[in-house]
Amino acid sequence: MKKITMSAVALTAIMGSFSSVSAADGINILDDLKLDAQIRPRWENVDDGNSDTANANAYTARTKLKVTGNLLDVDGLSASVGIISVNNFGSHTYNWDKSGQYTDGTKPYAIVGDPQAAMISNAEINYKTGDTVLHAGRDQVNLDNQRFIGTVGWRQLERSYDSVFVANNSIKNLSVLAAWVYGYAGVGGTTTTDANSILLHAVYKVNEALNITAYDYMLATSQFDGAGFDIYGAALTGKTALSGVKLNYRAEYAVQKDASMKIHDTPATADQFKADADYYNLDLGANISGVLVGVNYEFLSGSTGTDNKSNFIPLLGTNHKFNGWADVFFVGNTGPEGGLIDANARLGYTAKGFGKLLAVYHDFTADKKMATTTGTSDDLGSEIDVMYVNKIPGVNGLTGMLKYADYSKGADMTGFDNVTHDSTKIWAQLDYKFSTK
């Protein structure tokens, strides 16, 4: 798989033909090709506790293919083309949005956010010179712990970003990135072609025990009628060992303020969107001879609905990683208007051959009492999550996973519909990845 000429580029992208092709009078467009592939079948069962919906069973499979090669025989210049496809095998026993197009004969199924769809996941050109990388096109972007910018890789149709960026690490221990995002696609079949966002991100590694991260994400998207907001903050992270105990921590603070960026045809009403919210995340974990323990406190400020403030919104984050795997709080990525406080603890075990077993308990409360909500409680419920993942013996690149989430509703719904019912979700998944060159 060494060379491909101009006449075969379209055939390669469409047909997936990775064999060597050459022409006597042509120039080499792509050579030294590499194929990265993934096949990920999954069963997801959802009981959302709502008497108006039927339990969902989603049988889906993700297929990802990406071809990367050197471009035009230019040192440091490369290109990638990739596709992602999600198939539900003709099973219509779940909904992937709120349109209710599939029913059990009497009522719609619960929602599983994995539509049967396909899209171009990668179409990019990258140029590396020295310690600098220049990028243009579509690719997956995960910054830091993915709280604010991520691909939502848990969903079968993960998000890809259309962007132009420059990344540099010429200063020892310092990595910086500046990007302009003009669109994104994926996750529930959503395509946004009129984003206008700037991402600034920097990490300085003092040593293993201290990394300093600073960021400013200036987001503008049609999801807010052409407006948006800025998220900027800093995080301290690190790991160390004390008496044989491996420790890791995170201390982070961010604010959400009015948008610096706008979309050129922003309606006048969108200019009235006001952002004023706070976020912080404190985490401490330990690995004691394979026993995993940790505590976490995450705060996303909210609004009473009458105080002229917004709730903190991790609009483009991989939100499934946070606040419980049942995903009751960030459907649509906007979160509860009254805000969210998540105090959680985790316990698990990991070892070679055994894999990883992890359990997490969450206690949820609201930051602010909504003016439209009756009662005095700020209780948003609790959740128990359990996951087991391990490599499948005898097959290189194949892992299996079982996962369970059980959300129990609280006393106060804080004006947010998704937490008015108990919810239980179960997953069984295989994940096979391989590369060829």
Protein backbone atom coordinates (compact mmCIF):
# COMPACT_ATOMS: atom_id res chain seq x y z
CA MET A 1 0.00 0.00 0.00
CA LYS A 2 2.57 2.50 -1.20
CA LYS A 3 1.25 4.79 -3.93
CA ILE A 4 -1.94 6.21 -5.34
CA THR A 5 -2.18 8.54 -8.33
CA MET A 6 -4.53 11.38 -9.21
CA SER A 7 -6.76 9.13 -11.33
CA ALA A 8 -7.48 6.84 -8.39
CA VAL A 9 -8.18 9.32 -5.60
CA ALA A 10 -11.97 9.33 -5.99
CA LEU A 11 -12.06 5.55 -6.29
CA THR A 12 -10.01 5.20 -3.11
CA ALA A 13 -12.29 7.47 -1.10
CA ILE A 14 -15.53 5.91 -2.35
CA MET A 15 -14.66 2.25 -2.80
CA GLY A 16 -12.09 1.90 -0.06
CA SER A 17 -9.51 0.41 -2.41
CA PHE A 18 -6.21 0.56 -0.59
CA SER A 19 -4.06 -1.36 -3.04
CA SER A 20 -1.06 0.26 -4.72
CA VAL A 21 -1.92 2.27 -7.85
CA SER A 22 0.54 4.15 -10.02
CA ALA A 23 0.79 5.83 -13.40
CA ALA A 24 3.86 6.49 -15.49
CA ASP A 25 3.03 10.12 -16.22
CA GLY A 26 1.18 10.96 -13.01
CA ILE A 27 2.38 12.38 -9.74
CA ASN A 28 1.98 10.54 -6.48
CA ILE A 29 -0.97 12.04 -4.63
CA LEU A 30 -0.91 9.79 -1.57
CA ASP A 31 1.67 7.25 -0.57
CA ASP A 32 2.69 5.31 2.51
CA LEU A 33 -0.98 4.75 3.25
CA LYS A 34 -2.28 3.66 6.64
CA LEU A 35 -5.77 2.33 7.38
CA ASP A 36 -7.33 2.71 10.82
CA ALA A 37 -10.58 0.85 11.34
CA GLN A 38 -13.11 0.15 14.08
CA ILE A 39 -16.16 -2.09 14.33
CA ARG A 40 -18.27 -1.54 17.46
CA PRO A 41 -21.53 -3.48 17.88
CA ARG A 42 -23.67 -2.54 20.88
CA TRP A 43 -26.93 -3.39 22.60
CA GLU A 44 -28.53 -0.61 24.65
CA ASN A 45 -31.65 -1.04 26.75
CA VAL A 46 -33.44 2.02 28.15
CA ASP A 47 -36.24 2.16 30.70
CA ASP A 48 -36.82 5.89 31.16
CA GLY A 49 -39.53 5.42 33.78
CA ASN A 50 -42.04 7.34 31.69
CA SER A 51 -45.47 5.71 31.31
CA ASP A 52 -45.85 7.51 27.98
CA THR A 53 -42.93 5.62 26.37
CA ALA A 54 -42.09 1.96 25.81
CA ASN A 55 -38.74 0.49 26.85
CA ALA A 56 -36.12 0.75 24.12
CA ASN A 57 -33.76 -1.92 22.77
CA ALA A 58 -31.19 -0.59 20.31
CA TYR A 59 -29.01 -3.00 18.35
CA THR A 60 -26.48 -0.85 16.54
CA ALA A 61 -23.00 -1.15 15.08
CA ARG A 62 -20.46 1.56 14.36
CA THR A 63 -18.04 1.12 11.46
CA LYS A 64 -15.18 3.59 11.10
CA LEU A 65 -12.59 3.67 8.34
CA LYS A 66 -9.83 6.25 7.96
CA VAL A 67 -7.04 6.32 5.39
CA THR A 68 -4.01 8.55 6.00
CA GLY A 69 -1.09 9.07 3.68
CA ASN A 70 1.74 11.40 2.73
CA LEU A 71 0.52 14.03 0.27
CA LEU A 72 2.21 15.07 -3.00
CA ASP A 73 5.59 13.70 -1.86
CA VAL A 74 6.04 16.83 0.30
CA ASP A 75 7.83 16.23 3.59
CA GLY A 76 5.48 16.80 6.49
CA LEU A 77 2.36 17.09 4.33
CA SER A 78 -0.37 14.48 4.87
CA ALA A 79 -4.06 13.96 4.23
CA SER A 80 -6.78 11.80 5.74
CA VAL A 81 -10.16 10.67 4.47
CA GLY A 82 -12.57 8.78 6.69
CA ILE A 83 -16.16 7.64 7.02
CA ILE A 84 -18.33 6.57 9.93
CA SER A 85 -21.48 4.53 9.51
CA VAL A 86 -24.05 3.42 12.09
CA ASN A 87 -26.41 0.56 11.29
CA ASN A 88 -29.39 -0.57 13.38
CA PHE A 89 -29.97 -3.80 11.42
CA GLY A 90 -33.53 -2.75 10.63
CA SER A 91 -34.49 -2.71 14.31
CA HIS A 92 -36.99 0.05 15.08
CA THR A 93 -37.49 -0.68 18.78
CA TYR A 94 -36.04 2.65 19.85
CA ASN A 95 -36.22 6.35 18.98
CA TRP A 96 -33.14 8.49 18.46
CA ASP A 97 -34.95 11.82 18.89
CA LYS A 98 -38.24 13.11 20.27
CA SER A 99 -40.26 12.84 17.05
CA GLY A 100 -41.83 9.52 18.11
CA GLN A 101 -41.58 7.99 14.66
CA TYR A 102 -41.32 4.42 16.00
CA THR A 103 -43.85 2.93 18.43
CA ASP A 104 -44.69 -0.43 19.97
CA GLY A 105 -48.17 0.05 18.55
CA THR A 106 -49.47 2.28 21.31
CA LYS A 107 -46.70 4.69 22.33
CA PRO A 108 -43.21 5.78 21.23
CA TYR A 109 -40.09 4.02 22.41
CA ALA A 110 -37.60 5.64 24.77
CA ILE A 111 -34.69 7.54 23.22
CA VAL A 112 -31.30 6.09 22.31
CA GLY A 113 -29.15 8.77 20.66
CA ASP A 114 -27.80 6.58 17.84
CA PRO A 115 -29.57 7.17 14.51
CA GLN A 116 -28.89 4.93 11.54
CA ALA A 117 -26.74 7.28 9.50
CA ALA A 118 -23.42 7.72 7.74
CA MET A 119 -21.16 10.70 7.27
CA ILE A 120 -17.68 11.75 6.30
CA SER A 121 -15.79 11.78 9.58
CA ASN A 122 -12.41 12.92 8.21
CA ALA A 123 -11.45 15.08 5.26
CA GLU A 124 -8.32 16.93 6.27
CA ILE A 125 -4.89 18.14 5.27
CA ASN A 126 -2.11 18.50 7.85
CA TYR A 127 1.35 20.01 7.52
CA LYS A 128 4.03 19.46 10.15
CA THR A 129 7.17 21.52 10.15
CA GLY A 130 9.44 21.36 13.12
CA ASP A 131 7.34 21.74 16.26
CA THR A 132 4.34 23.22 14.45
CA VAL A 133 1.31 21.50 12.92
CA LEU A 134 -1.10 23.25 10.56
CA HIS A 135 -4.50 21.67 9.99
CA ALA A 136 -7.47 22.33 7.71
CA GLY A 137 -10.61 20.26 7.28
CA ARG A 138 -12.72 17.77 9.24
CA ASP A 139 -11.33 15.76 12.13
CA GLN A 140 -12.08 14.73 15.71
CA VAL A 141 -11.13 17.29 18.38
CA ASN A 142 -10.82 16.39 22.06
CA LEU A 143 -9.34 19.07 24.31
CA ASP A 144 -8.21 18.39 27.86
CA ASN A 145 -10.70 16.09 29.64
CA GLN A 146 -13.36 16.81 26.97
CA ARG A 147 -15.62 18.65 29.40
CA PHE A 148 -16.06 21.61 27.04
CA ILE A 149 -14.71 20.44 23.66
CA GLY A 150 -15.10 16.78 22.73
CA THR A 151 -16.32 14.26 20.19
CA VAL A 152 -18.86 12.43 22.39
CA GLY A 153 -17.13 9.24 21.33
CA TRP A 154 -19.51 7.18 23.46
CA ARG A 155 -22.29 7.74 20.96
CA GLN A 156 -22.06 5.62 17.85
CA LEU A 157 -22.12 8.61 15.47
CA GLU A 158 -19.45 10.68 17.20
CA ARG A 159 -18.85 14.36 16.49
CA SER A 160 -16.37 15.64 13.92
CA TYR A 161 -15.25 19.27 13.74
CA ASP A 162 -14.67 21.38 10.63
CA SER A 163 -11.77 23.56 11.62
CA VAL A 164 -8.51 25.30 10.82
CA PHE A 165 -5.90 25.21 13.55
CA VAL A 166 -2.24 25.66 14.38
CA ALA A 167 -0.56 23.72 17.21
CA ASN A 168 2.94 24.32 18.50
CA ASN A 169 5.25 22.88 21.18
CA SER A 170 8.53 24.62 20.34
CA ILE A 171 8.86 25.91 23.92
CA LYS A 172 9.94 23.12 26.24
CA ASN A 173 7.01 21.62 28.18
CA LEU A 174 4.52 24.06 26.60
CA SER A 175 1.84 23.02 24.09
CA VAL A 176 -0.47 25.61 22.54
CA LEU A 177 -3.34 25.40 20.07
CA ALA A 178 -5.41 28.04 18.30
CA ALA A 179 -8.36 26.91 16.18
CA TRP A 180 -11.26 28.33 14.22
CA VAL A 181 -14.26 26.00 14.08
CA TYR A 182 -16.69 26.69 11.25
CA GLY A 183 -18.91 23.61 11.56
CA TYR A 184 -19.41 20.20 13.12
CA ALA A 185 -21.44 17.06 12.50
CA GLY A 186 -22.47 13.86 14.23
CA VAL A 187 -24.19 12.84 17.50
CA GLY A 188 -27.85 12.28 16.72
CA GLY A 189 -27.38 13.19 13.06
CA THR A 190 -26.86 16.90 13.83
CA THR A 191 -24.97 18.96 11.26
CA THR A 192 -24.02 22.58 11.95
CA THR A 193 -22.48 24.41 9.01
CA ASP A 194 -22.67 27.94 10.38
CA ALA A 195 -20.55 27.77 13.52
CA ASN A 196 -18.08 30.59 14.08
CA SER A 197 -15.95 29.69 17.09
CA ILE A 198 -12.38 30.25 18.22
CA LEU A 199 -10.63 27.79 20.54
CA LEU A 200 -7.49 28.77 22.44
CA HIS A 201 -5.81 26.12 24.58
CA ALA A 202 -2.43 25.89 26.31
CA VAL A 203 -0.79 23.35 28.64
CA TYR A 204 2.44 23.85 30.55
CA LYS A 205 3.97 20.82 32.23
CA VAL A 206 5.95 21.85 35.30
CA ASN A 207 6.56 18.22 36.25
CA GLU A 208 4.56 15.00 36.68
CA ALA A 209 2.88 16.43 39.77
CA LEU A 210 1.77 19.71 38.16
CA ASN A 211 0.32 20.56 34.76
CA ILE A 212 -1.21 24.00 34.20
CA THR A 213 -3.94 24.27 31.56
CA ALA A 214 -5.50 27.52 30.38
CA TYR A 215 -8.23 27.92 27.77
CA ASP A 216 -10.65 30.32 26.13
CA TYR A 217 -13.43 28.85 24.00
CA MET A 218 -15.34 31.55 22.11
CA LEU A 219 -18.40 29.71 20.84
CA ALA A 220 -20.99 30.91 18.35
CA THR A 221 -23.47 28.45 16.89
CA SER A 222 -26.92 28.25 15.36
CA GLN A 223 -27.94 26.21 18.42
CA PHE A 224 -28.34 29.61 20.11
CA ASP A 225 -29.98 31.35 17.13
CA GLY A 226 -26.60 32.53 15.95
CA ALA A 227 -25.32 33.69 19.32
CA GLY A 228 -23.23 31.87 21.87
CA PHE A 229 -20.92 32.49 24.79
CA ASP A 230 -17.31 32.33 25.93
CA ILE A 231 -15.94 29.75 28.35
CA TYR A 232 -12.54 30.53 29.80
CA GLY A 233 -10.70 29.06 32.75
CA ALA A 234 -7.74 27.14 34.10
CA ALA A 235 -7.02 23.72 35.55
CA LEU A 236 -4.27 22.23 37.68
CA THR A 237 -3.71 18.51 37.22
CA GLY A 238 -1.04 16.01 38.12
CA LYS A 239 -0.09 12.64 39.53
CA THR A 240 2.38 11.44 42.11
CA ALA A 241 3.17 8.43 44.27
CA LEU A 242 3.28 8.36 48.08
CA SER A 243 4.30 5.17 49.90
CA GLY A 244 3.34 3.06 46.91
CA VAL A 245 -0.03 4.78 46.44
CA LYS A 246 -0.50 6.43 43.05
CA LEU A 247 -2.41 9.69 43.39
CA ASN A 248 -3.96 11.95 40.78
CA TYR A 249 -5.90 15.18 41.11
CA ARG A 250 -7.73 17.92 39.25
CA ALA A 251 -8.62 21.44 40.38
CA GLU A 252 -10.43 23.56 37.77
CA TYR A 253 -12.36 26.82 37.57
CA ALA A 254 -14.11 28.39 34.58
CA VAL A 255 -16.59 31.14 33.81
CA GLN A 256 -19.15 31.52 31.05
CA LYS A 257 -19.60 35.04 29.71
CA ASP A 258 -21.19 36.87 26.79
CA ALA A 259 -20.07 35.85 23.33
CA SER A 260 -17.05 37.37 21.64
CA MET A 261 -17.92 35.68 18.34
CA LYS A 262 -21.10 35.98 16.31
CA ILE A 263 -22.46 34.50 13.11
CA HIS A 264 -22.69 37.07 10.32
CA ASP A 265 -26.47 36.82 9.95
CA THR A 266 -27.20 36.80 13.68
CA PRO A 267 -30.78 37.94 14.35
CA ALA A 268 -31.15 40.98 16.59
CA THR A 269 -32.92 38.87 19.23
CA ALA A 270 -29.92 36.59 19.56
CA ASP A 271 -27.80 39.55 20.62
CA GLN A 272 -29.87 39.68 23.80
CA PHE A 273 -28.57 36.31 25.03
CA LYS A 274 -26.66 36.98 28.26
CA ALA A 275 -24.20 34.54 29.77
CA ASP A 276 -23.13 34.76 33.40
CA ALA A 277 -22.22 31.46 35.05
CA ASP A 278 -19.46 29.68 36.96
CA TYR A 279 -17.95 26.20 36.95
CA TYR A 280 -15.51 24.34 39.12
CA ASN A 281 -14.37 20.74 39.39
CA LEU A 282 -12.37 19.18 42.24
CA ASP A 283 -11.20 15.59 41.91
CA LEU A 284 -8.87 13.31 43.85
CA GLY A 285 -8.14 9.71 42.89
CA ALA A 286 -5.85 6.92 44.04
CA ASN A 287 -4.64 3.56 42.78
CA ILE A 288 -3.68 1.31 45.70
CA SER A 289 -2.22 -1.88 44.20
CA GLY A 290 -4.98 -1.95 41.62
CA VAL A 291 -7.78 -0.78 43.92
CA LEU A 292 -9.22 2.44 42.51
CA VAL A 293 -10.82 5.02 44.80
CA GLY A 294 -11.78 8.61 44.18
CA VAL A 295 -14.00 11.52 45.11
CA ASN A 296 -15.25 14.32 42.89
CA TYR A 297 -17.23 17.54 43.30
CA GLU A 298 -18.44 19.34 40.19
CA PHE A 299 -20.39 22.60 40.25
CA LEU A 300 -22.28 24.16 37.32
CA SER A 301 -24.04 27.34 38.42
CA GLY A 302 -27.67 27.97 37.60
CA SER A 303 -30.39 30.58 37.36
CA THR A 304 -33.63 31.14 39.24
CA GLY A 305 -35.25 32.12 35.97
CA THR A 306 -35.76 35.68 37.20
CA ASP A 307 -32.21 36.78 38.09
CA ASN A 308 -31.13 37.59 34.50
CA LYS A 309 -28.41 34.95 34.65
CA SER A 310 -27.78 31.86 32.55
CA ASN A 311 -26.95 28.36 33.72
CA PHE A 312 -23.52 26.98 32.85
CA ILE A 313 -23.76 25.06 29.55
CA PRO A 314 -21.00 22.66 28.35
CA LEU A 315 -22.34 22.96 24.81
CA LEU A 316 -19.70 20.97 22.88
CA GLY A 317 -18.44 18.71 25.65
CA THR A 318 -18.42 14.93 25.87
CA ASN A 319 -21.08 15.15 28.54
CA HIS A 320 -21.63 11.40 28.88
CA LYS A 321 -18.37 11.26 30.84
CA PHE A 322 -19.85 13.51 33.51
CA ASN A 323 -22.86 13.61 35.85
CA GLY A 324 -23.94 10.01 35.42
CA TRP A 325 -24.03 7.64 32.46
CA ALA A 326 -27.83 7.71 32.34
CA ASP A 327 -27.46 11.11 30.61
CA VAL A 328 -30.57 12.60 32.21
CA PHE A 329 -29.18 16.13 32.58
CA PHE A 330 -27.63 17.08 29.25
CA VAL A 331 -30.09 15.96 26.60
CA GLY A 332 -29.63 18.76 24.07
CA ASN A 333 -26.45 19.78 25.96
CA THR A 334 -28.17 22.69 27.74
CA GLY A 335 -28.49 21.19 31.22
CA PRO A 336 -30.92 22.09 34.03
CA GLU A 337 -31.63 25.82 34.21
CA GLY A 338 -31.22 25.81 37.97
CA GLY A 339 -27.69 24.48 37.63
CA LEU A 340 -26.20 21.20 38.83
CA ILE A 341 -24.02 20.13 41.74
CA ASP A 342 -22.65 16.59 41.44
CA ALA A 343 -20.93 15.09 44.49
CA ASN A 344 -19.73 11.60 43.60
CA ALA A 345 -17.43 8.82 44.76
CA ARG A 346 -15.94 5.92 42.84
CA LEU A 347 -14.53 2.52 43.71
CA GLY A 348 -13.01 -0.04 41.41
CA TYR A 349 -10.29 -2.53 40.67
CA THR A 350 -7.93 -3.03 37.74
CA ALA A 351 -5.24 -5.58 36.95
CA LYS A 352 -3.60 -7.15 33.93
CA GLY A 353 -5.80 -9.96 32.67
CA PHE A 354 -8.68 -8.93 34.92
CA GLY A 355 -9.57 -5.73 33.12
CA LYS A 356 -11.30 -2.88 34.95
CA LEU A 357 -14.33 -2.88 37.23
CA LEU A 358 -15.66 0.51 38.33
CA ALA A 359 -18.66 1.69 40.35
CA VAL A 360 -19.66 5.34 40.83
CA TYR A 361 -22.29 6.88 43.12
CA HIS A 362 -23.64 10.38 42.34
CA ASP A 363 -25.67 12.70 44.54
CA PHE A 364 -27.26 15.55 42.55
CA THR A 365 -28.57 18.89 43.79
CA ALA A 366 -29.52 22.17 42.14
CA ASP A 367 -27.50 25.36 42.56
CA LYS A 368 -30.55 27.64 42.38
CA LYS A 369 -34.22 27.19 43.14
CA MET A 370 -36.30 27.93 40.04
CA ALA A 371 -38.93 30.60 40.61
CA THR A 372 -41.47 28.46 38.74
CA THR A 373 -40.87 25.32 40.84
CA THR A 374 -43.03 24.51 43.84
CA GLY A 375 -41.58 23.17 47.08
CA THR A 376 -38.34 23.98 48.84
CA SER A 377 -36.05 21.04 48.03
CA ASP A 378 -33.04 21.31 45.75
CA ASP A 379 -32.80 17.51 45.44
CA LEU A 380 -32.14 16.38 41.84
CA GLY A 381 -31.77 12.70 42.66
CA SER A 382 -28.96 10.19 42.70
CA GLU A 383 -27.39 7.61 40.41
CA ILE A 384 -25.40 4.39 40.61
CA ASP A 385 -23.15 3.49 37.66
CA VAL A 386 -21.25 0.23 37.17
CA MET A 387 -18.89 -0.76 34.33
CA TYR A 388 -16.69 -3.74 33.53
CA VAL A 389 -14.31 -3.72 30.54
CA ASN A 390 -11.64 -6.19 29.48
CA LYS A 391 -9.71 -7.39 26.46
CA ILE A 392 -11.13 -10.48 24.75
CA PRO A 393 -8.50 -13.26 24.90
CA GLY A 394 -7.13 -14.52 21.62
CA VAL A 395 -8.21 -11.58 19.44
CA ASN A 396 -5.80 -8.65 19.26
CA GLY A 397 -7.58 -5.30 19.39
CA LEU A 398 -10.92 -6.67 20.67
CA THR A 399 -12.43 -5.54 23.97
CA GLY A 400 -15.75 -6.22 25.63
CA MET A 401 -17.77 -4.03 27.96
CA LEU A 402 -20.80 -4.30 30.23
CA LYS A 403 -22.25 -1.09 31.62
CA TYR A 404 -25.18 -0.15 33.85
CA ALA A 405 -26.72 3.15 34.98
CA ASP A 406 -29.56 3.54 37.49
CA TYR A 407 -30.89 7.07 38.09
CA SER A 408 -33.36 7.77 40.91
CA LYS A 409 -35.34 11.00 40.66
CA GLY A 410 -35.18 13.63 43.37
CA ALA A 411 -37.81 15.67 45.19
CA ASP A 412 -37.31 18.87 43.19
CA MET A 413 -37.22 18.83 39.39
CA THR A 414 -35.93 22.41 39.10
CA GLY A 415 -37.90 23.00 35.92
CA PHE A 416 -36.18 20.26 33.91
CA ASP A 417 -38.35 17.49 32.41
CA ASN A 418 -35.73 14.75 32.01
CA VAL A 419 -35.31 14.21 35.75
CA THR A 420 -38.99 13.69 36.58
CA HIS A 421 -38.69 9.89 36.27
CA ASP A 422 -36.37 7.13 37.40
CA SER A 423 -34.22 5.83 34.54
CA THR A 424 -32.27 2.63 33.97
CA LYS A 425 -29.88 1.89 31.10
CA ILE A 426 -27.92 -1.28 30.27
CA TRP A 427 -25.22 -1.75 27.63
CA ALA A 428 -23.32 -4.72 26.23
CA GLN A 429 -20.63 -3.87 23.68
CA LEU A 430 -17.75 -5.27 21.66
CA ASP A 431 -15.09 -2.96 20.25
CA TYR A 432 -12.64 -4.15 17.58
CA LYS A 433 -9.89 -1.83 16.35
CA PHE A 434 -7.12 -2.54 13.88
CA SER A 435 -4.62 -0.78 11.67
CA THR A 436 -2.81 -1.80 8.51
CA LYS A 437 0.00 -0.17 6.57
